[in-house]
Amino acid sequence: MSMSIFRRPDYTSEATQFIEQLKQQKPSLEAEQLAGRALLWDKSVDRSAQAEFREGRVAQKPYVYQTGNK
């Protein structure tokens, strides 16, 4: 097996090293992240309710602070 004379040693940034060390110290970290994501983001959408919300929207004036025509 020949190795290139121009090959550099593998580089890992300080941020990557920190994350890898954190994962070693706390193996349950990824499972906790997925649980948090499921809690806040992974929701089923009620399509009929969304349609009703869209139908009930009121158009906004171009300048919202204007109280009326003078």
Protein backbone atom coordinates (compact mmCIF):
# COMPACT_ATOMS: atom_id res chain seq x y z
CA MET A 1 0.00 0.00 0.00
CA SER A 2 1.57 3.27 -1.07
CA MET A 3 0.76 6.51 0.65
CA SER A 4 0.85 9.89 -1.03
CA ILE A 5 3.55 12.20 0.22
CA PHE A 6 1.06 15.08 0.01
CA ARG A 7 -1.52 13.48 2.32
CA ARG A 8 -2.23 15.47 5.44
CA PRO A 9 -3.24 13.92 8.74
CA ASP A 10 -7.00 13.78 9.28
CA TYR A 11 -8.26 17.05 10.75
CA THR A 12 -11.13 17.46 13.19
CA SER A 13 -12.18 20.89 14.34
CA GLU A 14 -12.49 21.86 18.00
CA ALA A 15 -16.27 21.95 17.64
CA THR A 16 -16.33 18.39 16.28
CA GLN A 17 -14.03 17.22 19.05
CA PHE A 18 -16.29 18.87 21.64
CA ILE A 19 -19.42 17.21 20.24
CA GLU A 20 -17.75 13.80 20.08
CA GLN A 21 -16.54 14.19 23.67
CA LEU A 22 -20.02 15.27 24.79
CA LYS A 23 -21.58 12.23 23.11
CA GLN A 24 -19.07 9.96 24.88
CA GLN A 25 -19.84 11.53 28.25
CA LYS A 26 -23.61 11.39 27.72
CA PRO A 27 -24.61 8.49 25.44
CA SER A 28 -28.34 9.29 25.79
CA LEU A 29 -27.89 12.75 24.24
CA GLU A 30 -29.11 11.84 20.74
CA ALA A 31 -32.20 10.07 22.10
CA GLU A 32 -33.00 13.14 24.22
CA GLN A 33 -32.60 15.38 21.17
CA LEU A 34 -35.02 13.22 19.17
CA ALA A 35 -37.52 13.27 22.05
CA GLY A 36 -37.30 17.06 22.21
CA ARG A 37 -37.78 17.35 18.48
CA ALA A 38 -40.83 15.08 18.63
CA LEU A 39 -42.25 17.19 21.43
CA LEU A 40 -41.93 20.49 19.56
CA TRP A 41 -41.79 19.78 15.83
CA ASP A 42 -43.00 16.36 14.77
CA LYS A 43 -46.75 16.94 14.94
CA SER A 44 -49.55 15.60 12.78
CA VAL A 45 -51.40 18.36 10.94
CA ASP A 46 -55.21 18.58 10.93
CA ARG A 47 -55.82 19.58 7.30
CA SER A 48 -59.48 20.52 7.81
CA ALA A 49 -58.65 22.83 10.72
CA GLN A 50 -55.89 24.45 8.65
CA ALA A 51 -58.36 25.06 5.82
CA GLU A 52 -60.81 26.68 8.25
CA PHE A 53 -58.07 28.92 9.64
CA ARG A 54 -57.16 30.05 6.11
CA GLU A 55 -60.80 30.80 5.28
CA GLY A 56 -61.22 32.86 8.45
CA ARG A 57 -58.29 35.18 7.79
CA VAL A 58 -59.03 38.88 7.63
CA ALA A 59 -57.11 40.96 5.11
CA GLN A 60 -54.65 43.36 6.67
CA LYS A 61 -54.51 47.02 5.68
CA PRO A 62 -51.36 48.15 3.85
CA TYR A 63 -50.52 50.49 6.73
CA VAL A 64 -51.71 48.83 9.92
CA TYR A 65 -51.40 51.91 12.15
CA GLN A 66 -53.74 54.07 10.07
CA THR A 67 -57.02 54.40 11.96
CA GLY A 68 -59.30 55.44 9.12
CA ASN A 69 -59.74 57.67 6.05
CA LYS A 70 -59.49 61.38 6.80
